[in-house]
């Protein structure tokens, strides 16, 4: 039970904190063959299970809650990036701005600086389900699904940029941009031609 509790707390910290701490900061627990896995929802880290299944809040597949590896030695360090948003539309606008910054960083060869921008986007995505409360159920579910995919993109773009691979970083950025575009179309603030009712 203690192992499950420790794994759950570590998973929640990773999901909420991104890559802010190095592997060296995770002393006090063991990794190895036969370790027990707990399962959690990528969008609702408070949902935990000792077996695979679906999140009771959003219906997404639960994922193994385990410590993410591969971050040692690439110098992110410091505290996790904190974000604030005034709501769904503000989150989307911030994401679009960060994606433009990532484009500029790639163009100037500063791949080592992509991490922070990507982390902000992913952290904003993690907060989106809370921002869709009161939405129609189908739109809220679609927003949660796309936000979860976007939050899950962090590892891909971080790995590509840390590996000094501009083409792979561009590809990951394009995937993120597509997901942000989908989220933008779901926004209550986005008007669609067929909804405007009149053409001037």
N, C-alpha and C. Protein backbone atom coordinates (compact mmCIF):
# COMPACT_ATOMS: atom_id res chain seq x y z
N UNK A 1 0.82 -1.19 0.00
CA UNK A 1 0.00 0.00 0.00
C UNK A 1 0.87 1.26 0.00
N UNK A 2 1.96 1.21 0.79
CA UNK A 2 2.86 2.36 0.85
C UNK A 2 3.50 2.63 -0.52
N UNK A 3 3.86 1.52 -1.24
CA UNK A 3 4.44 1.67 -2.58
C UNK A 3 3.44 2.32 -3.53
N UNK A 4 2.17 1.88 -3.45
CA UNK A 4 1.14 2.44 -4.31
C UNK A 4 0.93 3.92 -4.02
N UNK A 5 0.92 4.28 -2.74
CA UNK A 5 0.75 5.68 -2.35
C UNK A 5 1.93 6.52 -2.86
N UNK A 6 3.15 6.01 -2.69
CA UNK A 6 4.34 6.73 -3.17
C UNK A 6 4.28 6.92 -4.67
N UNK A 7 3.95 5.83 -5.39
CA UNK A 7 3.87 5.92 -6.86
C UNK A 7 2.80 6.92 -7.28
N UNK A 8 1.67 6.92 -6.57
CA UNK A 8 0.58 7.85 -6.90
C UNK A 8 1.01 9.30 -6.69
N UNK A 9 1.70 9.56 -5.59
CA UNK A 9 2.16 10.92 -5.32
C UNK A 9 3.20 11.37 -6.34
N UNK A 10 4.11 10.48 -6.70
CA UNK A 10 5.12 10.80 -7.71
C UNK A 10 4.44 11.09 -9.04
N UNK A 11 3.47 10.25 -9.42
CA UNK A 11 2.77 10.45 -10.69
C UNK A 11 2.04 11.78 -10.71
N UNK A 12 1.36 12.10 -9.62
CA UNK A 12 0.63 13.38 -9.57
C UNK A 12 1.60 14.55 -9.70
N UNK A 13 2.74 14.45 -9.04
CA UNK A 13 3.73 15.52 -9.15
C UNK A 13 4.26 15.67 -10.55
N UNK A 14 4.49 14.55 -11.24
CA UNK A 14 4.98 14.61 -12.61
C UNK A 14 3.94 15.18 -13.55
N UNK A 15 2.70 14.76 -13.39
CA UNK A 15 1.66 15.25 -14.28
C UNK A 15 1.42 16.74 -14.09
N UNK A 16 1.49 17.20 -12.86
CA UNK A 16 1.24 18.61 -12.60
C UNK A 16 2.49 19.47 -12.80
N UNK A 17 3.66 18.88 -12.59
CA UNK A 17 4.88 19.66 -12.61
C UNK A 17 5.68 19.58 -13.89
N UNK A 18 5.32 18.72 -14.80
CA UNK A 18 6.09 18.60 -16.03
C UNK A 18 7.48 18.09 -15.74
N UNK A 19 8.47 18.73 -16.34
CA UNK A 19 9.84 18.25 -16.28
C UNK A 19 10.68 19.11 -15.36
N UNK A 20 10.07 19.85 -14.46
CA UNK A 20 10.80 20.84 -13.71
C UNK A 20 11.91 20.33 -12.82
N UNK A 21 11.88 19.08 -12.40
CA UNK A 21 12.91 18.58 -11.51
C UNK A 21 13.68 17.47 -12.19
N UNK A 22 14.92 17.36 -11.84
CA UNK A 22 15.77 16.34 -12.46
C UNK A 22 15.57 15.00 -11.80
N UNK A 23 16.08 13.96 -12.44
CA UNK A 23 16.00 12.59 -11.94
C UNK A 23 16.63 12.48 -10.57
N UNK A 24 17.67 13.28 -10.30
CA UNK A 24 18.37 13.21 -9.03
C UNK A 24 17.50 13.65 -7.87
N UNK A 25 16.44 14.39 -8.13
CA UNK A 25 15.58 14.88 -7.07
C UNK A 25 14.58 13.83 -6.59
N UNK A 26 14.61 12.65 -7.17
CA UNK A 26 13.61 11.63 -6.85
C UNK A 26 14.20 10.51 -6.01
N UNK A 27 14.96 10.85 -4.98
CA UNK A 27 15.51 9.81 -4.12
C UNK A 27 14.44 9.34 -3.15
N UNK A 28 14.69 8.18 -2.55
CA UNK A 28 13.76 7.70 -1.54
C UNK A 28 12.78 6.67 -2.02
N UNK A 29 12.78 6.36 -3.29
CA UNK A 29 11.96 5.26 -3.77
C UNK A 29 12.74 4.48 -4.80
N UNK A 30 12.35 3.22 -5.01
CA UNK A 30 13.14 2.33 -5.85
C UNK A 30 12.45 2.06 -7.16
N UNK A 31 13.28 1.80 -8.16
CA UNK A 31 12.80 1.38 -9.47
C UNK A 31 13.38 0.02 -9.75
N UNK A 32 12.66 -0.79 -10.43
CA UNK A 32 13.22 -2.08 -10.80
C UNK A 32 12.16 -3.01 -11.28
N UNK A 33 12.58 -4.21 -11.69
CA UNK A 33 11.63 -5.19 -12.19
C UNK A 33 10.64 -5.57 -11.11
N UNK A 34 9.44 -5.83 -11.51
CA UNK A 34 8.41 -6.28 -10.58
C UNK A 34 7.76 -5.18 -9.78
N UNK A 35 8.09 -3.93 -10.07
CA UNK A 35 7.46 -2.86 -9.30
C UNK A 35 5.97 -2.79 -9.67
N UNK A 36 5.17 -2.45 -8.69
CA UNK A 36 3.74 -2.36 -8.93
C UNK A 36 3.43 -1.07 -9.67
N UNK A 37 2.41 -1.14 -10.52
CA UNK A 37 1.99 0.05 -11.26
C UNK A 37 0.66 0.52 -10.73
N UNK A 38 0.51 1.82 -10.70
CA UNK A 38 -0.81 2.38 -10.46
C UNK A 38 -1.20 3.06 -11.77
N UNK A 39 -2.47 3.29 -11.94
CA UNK A 39 -3.01 3.87 -13.18
C UNK A 39 -3.70 5.17 -12.84
N UNK A 40 -3.58 6.13 -13.75
CA UNK A 40 -4.19 7.43 -13.51
C UNK A 40 -4.64 8.04 -14.84
N UNK A 41 -5.49 9.05 -14.74
CA UNK A 41 -5.96 9.75 -15.93
C UNK A 41 -5.00 10.89 -16.23
N UNK A 42 -4.58 11.05 -17.50
CA UNK A 42 -3.66 12.14 -17.83
C UNK A 42 -4.25 13.52 -17.54
N UNK A 43 -5.59 13.63 -17.61
CA UNK A 43 -6.22 14.93 -17.38
C UNK A 43 -6.74 15.10 -15.96
N UNK A 44 -6.90 14.01 -15.24
CA UNK A 44 -7.41 14.07 -13.86
C UNK A 44 -6.49 13.24 -12.96
N UNK A 45 -5.33 13.78 -12.58
CA UNK A 45 -4.35 13.00 -11.82
C UNK A 45 -4.86 12.51 -10.47
N UNK A 46 -5.95 13.10 -10.00
CA UNK A 46 -6.51 12.62 -8.73
C UNK A 46 -7.22 11.28 -8.89
N UNK A 47 -7.53 10.90 -10.14
CA UNK A 47 -8.16 9.60 -10.40
C UNK A 47 -7.05 8.56 -10.43
N UNK A 48 -7.15 7.57 -9.54
CA UNK A 48 -6.13 6.53 -9.44
C UNK A 48 -6.78 5.16 -9.39
N UNK A 49 -6.09 4.17 -9.94
CA UNK A 49 -6.59 2.81 -9.93
C UNK A 49 -5.40 1.85 -9.87
N UNK A 50 -5.64 0.64 -9.38
CA UNK A 50 -4.57 -0.35 -9.37
C UNK A 50 -4.60 -1.23 -10.61
N UNK A 51 -5.49 -0.89 -11.56
CA UNK A 51 -5.57 -1.66 -12.81
C UNK A 51 -6.00 -0.73 -13.95
N UNK A 52 -5.78 -1.15 -15.22
CA UNK A 52 -6.19 -0.32 -16.35
C UNK A 52 -7.70 -0.13 -16.39
N UNK A 53 -8.14 0.90 -17.07
CA UNK A 53 -9.57 1.16 -17.20
C UNK A 53 -9.81 2.53 -17.81
N UNK A 54 -10.98 3.07 -17.56
CA UNK A 54 -11.37 4.38 -18.09
C UNK A 54 -11.55 5.35 -16.92
N UNK A 55 -11.27 6.62 -17.20
CA UNK A 55 -11.48 7.66 -16.21
C UNK A 55 -12.98 7.86 -16.01
N UNK A 56 -13.46 7.82 -14.77
CA UNK A 56 -14.89 8.03 -14.54
C UNK A 56 -15.33 9.47 -14.81
N UNK A 57 -14.40 10.40 -14.87
CA UNK A 57 -14.75 11.80 -15.10
C UNK A 57 -14.87 12.14 -16.58
N UNK A 58 -13.90 11.63 -17.39
CA UNK A 58 -13.90 12.03 -18.81
C UNK A 58 -13.92 10.86 -19.78
N UNK A 59 -13.78 9.63 -19.28
CA UNK A 59 -13.84 8.46 -20.14
C UNK A 59 -12.55 8.13 -20.87
N UNK A 60 -11.48 8.90 -20.61
CA UNK A 60 -10.20 8.60 -21.27
C UNK A 60 -9.59 7.34 -20.67
N UNK A 61 -8.75 6.67 -21.47
CA UNK A 61 -8.03 5.50 -20.96
C UNK A 61 -7.06 5.94 -19.88
N UNK A 62 -7.00 5.16 -18.79
CA UNK A 62 -6.02 5.43 -17.76
C UNK A 62 -4.64 5.00 -18.26
N UNK A 63 -3.61 5.70 -17.82
CA UNK A 63 -2.24 5.38 -18.22
C UNK A 63 -1.44 4.98 -16.98
N UNK A 64 -0.36 4.24 -17.20
CA UNK A 64 0.48 3.82 -16.08
C UNK A 64 1.10 5.06 -15.45
N UNK A 65 0.91 5.17 -14.16
CA UNK A 65 1.49 6.28 -13.43
C UNK A 65 2.88 5.86 -12.99
N UNK A 66 3.87 6.25 -13.76
CA UNK A 66 5.23 5.89 -13.40
C UNK A 66 6.11 7.10 -13.62
N UNK A 67 7.25 7.08 -12.99
CA UNK A 67 8.19 8.20 -13.11
C UNK A 67 8.72 8.25 -14.53
N UNK A 68 8.69 9.45 -15.11
CA UNK A 68 9.22 9.61 -16.46
C UNK A 68 10.73 9.66 -16.38
N UNK A 69 11.37 8.96 -17.33
CA UNK A 69 12.83 8.89 -17.35
C UNK A 69 13.38 9.62 -18.55
N UNK A 70 14.69 9.76 -18.59
CA UNK A 70 15.33 10.32 -19.76
C UNK A 70 15.60 11.81 -19.65
N UNK A 71 15.41 12.39 -18.46
CA UNK A 71 15.63 13.83 -18.32
C UNK A 71 16.93 14.17 -17.62
N UNK A 72 17.71 13.16 -17.24
CA UNK A 72 18.91 13.47 -16.51
C UNK A 72 19.92 14.18 -17.41
N UNK A 73 20.52 15.22 -16.87
CA UNK A 73 21.64 15.84 -17.54
C UNK A 73 21.31 16.82 -18.65
N UNK A 74 20.05 17.18 -18.87
CA UNK A 74 19.85 18.15 -19.94
C UNK A 74 19.50 19.53 -19.42
N UNK A 75 19.69 19.74 -18.13
CA UNK A 75 19.78 21.09 -17.60
C UNK A 75 18.51 21.90 -17.48
N UNK A 76 17.34 21.28 -17.36
CA UNK A 76 16.15 22.11 -17.17
C UNK A 76 16.17 22.68 -15.76
N UNK A 77 16.26 21.81 -14.76
CA UNK A 77 16.39 22.22 -13.37
C UNK A 77 15.33 23.21 -12.93
N UNK A 78 15.43 23.65 -11.69
CA UNK A 78 14.53 24.67 -11.19
C UNK A 78 13.14 24.16 -10.91
N UNK A 79 12.27 25.06 -10.61
CA UNK A 79 10.89 24.74 -10.29
C UNK A 79 10.08 24.51 -11.57
N UNK A 80 8.99 23.73 -11.45
CA UNK A 80 8.12 23.56 -12.62
C UNK A 80 7.58 24.91 -13.08
N UNK A 81 7.35 25.03 -14.37
CA UNK A 81 6.82 26.27 -14.94
C UNK A 81 5.38 26.45 -14.46
N UNK A 82 5.08 27.61 -13.92
CA UNK A 82 3.73 27.90 -13.46
C UNK A 82 3.02 28.74 -14.52
N UNK A 83 1.75 28.46 -14.70
CA UNK A 83 0.97 29.19 -15.69
C UNK A 83 -0.30 29.72 -15.04
N UNK A 84 -0.84 30.77 -15.62
CA UNK A 84 -2.14 31.26 -15.19
C UNK A 84 -2.92 31.62 -16.44
N UNK A 85 -4.22 31.47 -16.33
CA UNK A 85 -5.07 31.74 -17.48
C UNK A 85 -6.38 32.32 -16.99
N UNK A 86 -6.92 33.23 -17.80
CA UNK A 86 -8.21 33.84 -17.46
C UNK A 86 -9.38 33.01 -17.97
N UNK A 87 -9.08 31.94 -18.68
CA UNK A 87 -10.14 31.08 -19.21
C UNK A 87 -9.68 30.37 -20.46
N UNK A 88 -10.58 29.63 -21.06
CA UNK A 88 -10.26 28.79 -22.20
C UNK A 88 -9.67 29.59 -23.36
N UNK A 89 -10.32 30.69 -23.74
CA UNK A 89 -9.83 31.51 -24.85
C UNK A 89 -8.45 32.09 -24.57
N UNK A 90 -8.21 32.50 -23.33
CA UNK A 90 -6.91 33.02 -22.95
C UNK A 90 -5.85 31.92 -23.05
N UNK A 91 -6.19 30.70 -22.63
CA UNK A 91 -5.25 29.57 -22.74
C UNK A 91 -4.87 29.33 -24.19
N UNK A 92 -5.88 29.33 -25.07
CA UNK A 92 -5.62 29.11 -26.50
C UNK A 92 -4.71 30.23 -27.04
N UNK A 93 -5.01 31.47 -26.68
CA UNK A 93 -4.20 32.59 -27.16
C UNK A 93 -2.75 32.47 -26.67
N UNK A 94 -2.56 32.10 -25.41
CA UNK A 94 -1.21 31.92 -24.88
C UNK A 94 -0.48 30.78 -25.62
N UNK A 95 -1.22 29.71 -25.91
CA UNK A 95 -0.62 28.59 -26.64
C UNK A 95 -0.15 29.02 -28.03
N UNK A 96 -0.98 29.80 -28.72
CA UNK A 96 -0.61 30.27 -30.06
C UNK A 96 0.64 31.14 -30.00
N UNK A 97 0.73 31.99 -28.98
CA UNK A 97 1.90 32.85 -28.82
C UNK A 97 3.15 32.00 -28.56
N UNK A 98 3.02 31.01 -27.69
CA UNK A 98 4.16 30.14 -27.37
C UNK A 98 4.60 29.33 -28.59
N UNK A 99 3.65 28.90 -29.42
CA UNK A 99 4.01 28.16 -30.63
C UNK A 99 4.81 29.05 -31.59
N UNK A 100 4.44 30.33 -31.69
CA UNK A 100 5.21 31.26 -32.53
C UNK A 100 6.63 31.43 -31.97
N UNK A 101 6.73 31.47 -30.66
CA UNK A 101 8.05 31.58 -30.03
C UNK A 101 8.88 30.34 -30.33
N UNK A 102 8.25 29.16 -30.26
CA UNK A 102 8.96 27.92 -30.58
C UNK A 102 9.45 27.95 -32.03
N UNK A 103 8.60 28.42 -32.95
CA UNK A 103 9.02 28.54 -34.36
C UNK A 103 10.28 29.40 -34.47
N UNK A 104 10.28 30.53 -33.76
CA UNK A 104 11.43 31.44 -33.81
C UNK A 104 12.68 30.80 -33.19
N UNK A 105 12.49 30.05 -32.11
CA UNK A 105 13.63 29.38 -31.47
C UNK A 105 14.23 28.32 -32.41
N UNK A 106 13.36 27.57 -33.09
CA UNK A 106 13.85 26.57 -34.04
C UNK A 106 14.61 27.25 -35.17
N UNK A 107 14.04 28.32 -35.70
CA UNK A 107 14.67 29.04 -36.82
C UNK A 107 16.03 29.61 -36.44
N UNK A 108 16.18 30.00 -35.17
CA UNK A 108 17.45 30.58 -34.74
C UNK A 108 18.39 29.54 -34.14
N UNK A 109 17.99 28.27 -34.19
CA UNK A 109 18.86 27.20 -33.70
C UNK A 109 18.93 27.09 -32.18
N UNK A 110 18.00 27.71 -31.48
CA UNK A 110 18.01 27.67 -30.01
C UNK A 110 17.08 26.57 -29.49
N UNK A 111 17.34 25.33 -29.91
CA UNK A 111 16.47 24.21 -29.54
C UNK A 111 16.46 23.97 -28.03
N UNK A 112 17.55 24.30 -27.35
CA UNK A 112 17.62 24.09 -25.91
C UNK A 112 16.64 24.97 -25.14
N UNK A 113 16.06 25.98 -25.79
CA UNK A 113 15.11 26.87 -25.13
C UNK A 113 13.65 26.51 -25.42
N UNK A 114 13.45 25.49 -26.26
CA UNK A 114 12.09 25.08 -26.62
C UNK A 114 11.35 24.48 -25.43
N UNK A 115 12.09 23.81 -24.56
CA UNK A 115 11.50 23.10 -23.42
C UNK A 115 10.52 23.96 -22.63
N UNK A 116 10.94 25.14 -22.25
CA UNK A 116 10.11 25.98 -21.37
C UNK A 116 8.81 26.39 -22.06
N UNK A 117 8.90 26.74 -23.34
CA UNK A 117 7.70 27.14 -24.09
C UNK A 117 6.73 25.96 -24.21
N UNK A 118 7.29 24.79 -24.51
CA UNK A 118 6.45 23.59 -24.65
C UNK A 118 5.81 23.22 -23.32
N UNK A 119 6.56 23.38 -22.25
CA UNK A 119 6.02 23.06 -20.93
C UNK A 119 4.84 23.96 -20.57
N UNK A 120 4.94 25.24 -20.91
CA UNK A 120 3.83 26.17 -20.65
C UNK A 120 2.59 25.71 -21.42
N UNK A 121 2.76 25.38 -22.70
CA UNK A 121 1.61 24.92 -23.51
C UNK A 121 0.97 23.70 -22.88
N UNK A 122 1.80 22.73 -22.50
CA UNK A 122 1.26 21.49 -21.93
C UNK A 122 0.59 21.73 -20.59
N UNK A 123 1.14 22.61 -19.77
CA UNK A 123 0.51 22.93 -18.49
C UNK A 123 -0.81 23.67 -18.68
N UNK A 124 -0.87 24.55 -19.68
CA UNK A 124 -2.13 25.21 -19.99
C UNK A 124 -3.17 24.17 -20.42
N UNK A 125 -2.74 23.21 -21.23
CA UNK A 125 -3.66 22.16 -21.70
C UNK A 125 -4.21 21.35 -20.53
N UNK A 126 -3.37 21.09 -19.54
CA UNK A 126 -3.82 20.31 -18.38
C UNK A 126 -4.93 21.03 -17.60
N UNK A 127 -4.95 22.35 -17.66
CA UNK A 127 -5.97 23.11 -16.95
C UNK A 127 -7.27 23.30 -17.72
N UNK A 128 -7.29 22.91 -18.97
CA UNK A 128 -8.46 23.19 -19.81
C UNK A 128 -9.74 22.46 -19.39
N UNK A 129 -9.70 21.21 -18.95
CA UNK A 129 -10.97 20.57 -18.56
C UNK A 129 -11.72 21.36 -17.49
N UNK A 130 -10.99 21.97 -16.58
CA UNK A 130 -11.63 22.80 -15.55
C UNK A 130 -12.30 24.02 -16.18
N UNK A 131 -11.73 24.52 -17.27
CA UNK A 131 -12.25 25.72 -17.92
C UNK A 131 -13.47 25.45 -18.79
N UNK A 132 -13.81 24.17 -18.98
CA UNK A 132 -14.96 23.84 -19.84
C UNK A 132 -16.19 23.48 -19.03
N UNK A 133 -16.14 23.69 -17.74
CA UNK A 133 -17.32 23.41 -16.91
C UNK A 133 -18.47 24.28 -17.38
N UNK A 134 -19.63 23.69 -17.53
CA UNK A 134 -20.80 24.41 -18.01
C UNK A 134 -20.98 24.33 -19.52
N UNK A 135 -20.01 23.79 -20.21
CA UNK A 135 -20.12 23.61 -21.66
C UNK A 135 -21.05 22.43 -21.95
N UNK A 136 -21.59 22.36 -23.18
CA UNK A 136 -22.31 21.15 -23.57
C UNK A 136 -21.37 19.95 -23.44
N UNK A 137 -21.90 18.81 -23.02
CA UNK A 137 -21.09 17.64 -22.71
C UNK A 137 -20.20 17.20 -23.87
N UNK A 138 -20.74 17.24 -25.10
CA UNK A 138 -19.94 16.76 -26.25
C UNK A 138 -18.76 17.69 -26.52
N UNK A 139 -18.96 19.01 -26.40
CA UNK A 139 -17.86 19.96 -26.62
C UNK A 139 -16.83 19.85 -25.50
N UNK A 140 -17.30 19.70 -24.28
CA UNK A 140 -16.38 19.58 -23.14
C UNK A 140 -15.54 18.31 -23.28
N UNK A 141 -16.17 17.21 -23.70
CA UNK A 141 -15.44 15.95 -23.87
C UNK A 141 -14.41 16.06 -24.99
N UNK A 142 -14.79 16.70 -26.08
CA UNK A 142 -13.86 16.88 -27.20
C UNK A 142 -12.69 17.78 -26.78
N UNK A 143 -12.99 18.83 -26.04
CA UNK A 143 -11.93 19.71 -25.56
C UNK A 143 -10.99 18.96 -24.62
N UNK A 144 -11.55 18.16 -23.72
CA UNK A 144 -10.72 17.38 -22.79
C UNK A 144 -9.83 16.39 -23.53
N UNK A 145 -10.39 15.75 -24.55
CA UNK A 145 -9.62 14.77 -25.33
C UNK A 145 -8.45 15.44 -26.06
N UNK A 146 -8.73 16.56 -26.73
CA UNK A 146 -7.67 17.26 -27.46
C UNK A 146 -6.65 17.89 -26.52
N UNK A 147 -7.12 18.38 -25.38
CA UNK A 147 -6.20 18.95 -24.39
C UNK A 147 -5.28 17.86 -23.83
N UNK A 148 -5.82 16.67 -23.60
CA UNK A 148 -5.01 15.55 -23.10
C UNK A 148 -3.95 15.15 -24.12
N UNK A 149 -4.33 15.12 -25.39
CA UNK A 149 -3.35 14.80 -26.45
C UNK A 149 -2.26 15.86 -26.48
N UNK A 150 -2.66 17.13 -26.34
CA UNK A 150 -1.69 18.22 -26.36
C UNK A 150 -0.75 18.12 -25.16
N UNK A 151 -1.29 17.89 -23.99
CA UNK A 151 -0.46 17.74 -22.79
C UNK A 151 0.50 16.57 -22.95
N UNK A 152 0.04 15.53 -23.62
CA UNK A 152 0.88 14.35 -23.85
C UNK A 152 1.98 14.55 -24.87
N UNK A 153 1.96 15.66 -25.59
CA UNK A 153 2.98 15.95 -26.61
C UNK A 153 4.30 16.42 -26.00
N UNK A 154 4.30 16.74 -24.72
CA UNK A 154 5.50 17.32 -24.12
C UNK A 154 6.72 16.43 -24.31
N UNK A 155 6.58 15.16 -24.01
CA UNK A 155 7.72 14.25 -24.08
C UNK A 155 8.31 14.23 -25.50
N UNK A 156 7.45 14.23 -26.53
CA UNK A 156 7.93 14.17 -27.91
C UNK A 156 8.72 15.42 -28.30
N UNK A 157 8.16 16.58 -28.03
CA UNK A 157 8.86 17.81 -28.43
C UNK A 157 10.10 18.04 -27.58
N UNK A 158 10.03 17.69 -26.31
CA UNK A 158 11.17 17.86 -25.43
C UNK A 158 12.33 16.95 -25.85
N UNK A 159 12.01 15.71 -26.18
CA UNK A 159 13.03 14.77 -26.62
C UNK A 159 13.69 15.22 -27.92
N UNK A 160 12.87 15.70 -28.86
CA UNK A 160 13.39 16.15 -30.15
C UNK A 160 14.28 17.38 -29.98
N UNK A 161 13.82 18.35 -29.20
CA UNK A 161 14.60 19.58 -29.04
C UNK A 161 15.87 19.32 -28.23
N UNK A 162 15.77 18.51 -27.17
CA UNK A 162 16.97 18.19 -26.38
C UNK A 162 17.97 17.38 -27.19
N UNK A 163 17.47 16.60 -28.14
CA UNK A 163 18.35 15.81 -28.99
C UNK A 163 18.97 16.62 -30.11
N UNK A 164 18.65 17.92 -30.19
CA UNK A 164 19.21 18.77 -31.23
C UNK A 164 18.70 18.42 -32.62
N UNK A 165 17.42 18.01 -32.69
CA UNK A 165 16.83 17.58 -33.96
C UNK A 165 15.78 18.58 -34.42
N UNK A 166 16.17 19.57 -35.22
CA UNK A 166 15.22 20.62 -35.61
C UNK A 166 14.04 20.09 -36.42
N UNK A 167 14.26 19.14 -37.32
CA UNK A 167 13.16 18.63 -38.14
C UNK A 167 12.12 17.92 -37.27
N UNK A 168 12.58 17.09 -36.33
CA UNK A 168 11.65 16.41 -35.43
C UNK A 168 10.95 17.40 -34.51
N UNK A 169 11.67 18.44 -34.12
CA UNK A 169 11.05 19.48 -33.28
C UNK A 169 9.97 20.22 -34.06
N UNK A 170 10.23 20.51 -35.34
CA UNK A 170 9.22 21.15 -36.20
C UNK A 170 7.99 20.26 -36.34
N UNK A 171 8.22 18.96 -36.53
CA UNK A 171 7.11 18.01 -36.69
C UNK A 171 6.25 17.98 -35.42
N UNK A 172 6.90 17.91 -34.27
CA UNK A 172 6.16 17.91 -32.99
C UNK A 172 5.41 19.22 -32.81
N UNK A 173 6.04 20.33 -33.19
CA UNK A 173 5.39 21.64 -33.09
C UNK A 173 4.15 21.69 -33.98
N UNK A 174 4.26 21.12 -35.19
CA UNK A 174 3.11 21.11 -36.11
C UNK A 174 1.96 20.30 -35.51
N UNK A 175 2.26 19.19 -34.86
CA UNK A 175 1.21 18.38 -34.21
C UNK A 175 0.55 19.19 -33.10
N UNK A 176 1.37 19.89 -32.32
CA UNK A 176 0.82 20.71 -31.24
C UNK A 176 -0.06 21.82 -31.81
N UNK A 177 0.41 22.45 -32.89
CA UNK A 177 -0.37 23.53 -33.51
C UNK A 177 -1.72 23.02 -34.01
N UNK A 178 -1.74 21.81 -34.58
CA UNK A 178 -2.99 21.23 -35.05
C UNK A 178 -3.97 21.01 -33.89
N UNK A 179 -3.46 20.52 -32.77
CA UNK A 179 -4.32 20.30 -31.60
C UNK A 179 -4.82 21.63 -31.03
N UNK A 180 -3.96 22.64 -31.00
CA UNK A 180 -4.39 23.97 -30.54
C UNK A 180 -5.48 24.51 -31.46
N UNK A 181 -5.32 24.28 -32.77
CA UNK A 181 -6.34 24.70 -33.73
C UNK A 181 -7.68 24.03 -33.46
N UNK A 182 -7.64 22.75 -33.15
CA UNK A 182 -8.89 22.03 -32.82
C UNK A 182 -9.53 22.60 -31.56
N UNK A 183 -8.70 22.90 -30.57
CA UNK A 183 -9.22 23.49 -29.34
C UNK A 183 -9.84 24.86 -29.61
N UNK A 184 -9.19 25.63 -30.47
CA UNK A 184 -9.70 26.97 -30.79
C UNK A 184 -11.08 26.89 -31.43
N UNK A 185 -11.31 25.90 -32.30
CA UNK A 185 -12.62 25.79 -32.96
C UNK A 185 -13.72 25.40 -31.97
N UNK A 186 -13.33 24.79 -30.85
CA UNK A 186 -14.32 24.40 -29.84
C UNK A 186 -14.69 25.55 -28.91
N UNK A 187 -13.89 26.60 -28.92
CA UNK A 187 -14.09 27.71 -28.01
C UNK A 187 -15.44 28.39 -28.23
N UNK A 188 -16.15 28.70 -27.15
CA UNK A 188 -17.41 29.42 -27.29
C UNK A 188 -17.20 30.80 -27.93
N UNK A 189 -15.99 31.33 -27.84
CA UNK A 189 -15.71 32.64 -28.42
C UNK A 189 -15.43 32.61 -29.91
N UNK A 190 -15.34 31.40 -30.49
CA UNK A 190 -15.07 31.28 -31.92
C UNK A 190 -16.39 31.22 -32.67
N UNK A 191 -16.57 32.13 -33.62
CA UNK A 191 -17.80 32.14 -34.41
C UNK A 191 -17.56 31.39 -35.70
N UNK A 192 -18.54 30.59 -36.07
CA UNK A 192 -18.49 29.85 -37.32
C UNK A 192 -19.51 30.47 -38.26
N UNK A 193 -19.21 30.48 -39.55
CA UNK A 193 -20.11 31.12 -40.52
C UNK A 193 -21.54 30.65 -40.41
N UNK A 194 -21.74 29.34 -40.20
CA UNK A 194 -23.10 28.83 -40.16
C UNK A 194 -23.84 29.22 -38.89
N UNK A 195 -23.08 29.71 -37.87
CA UNK A 195 -23.71 30.12 -36.62
C UNK A 195 -24.07 31.59 -36.61
N UNK A 196 -23.49 32.38 -37.50
CA UNK A 196 -23.71 33.83 -37.43
C UNK A 196 -25.11 34.22 -37.85
N UNK A 197 -25.76 33.43 -38.68
CA UNK A 197 -27.15 33.68 -39.02
C UNK A 197 -27.36 34.71 -40.12
N UNK A 198 -26.46 35.67 -40.24
CA UNK A 198 -26.63 36.66 -41.31
C UNK A 198 -25.26 36.98 -41.89
N UNK A 199 -25.25 37.30 -43.12
CA UNK A 199 -24.01 37.66 -43.80
C UNK A 199 -24.13 39.11 -44.22
N UNK A 200 -23.11 39.88 -43.88
CA UNK A 200 -23.16 41.31 -44.21
C UNK A 200 -22.31 41.59 -45.39
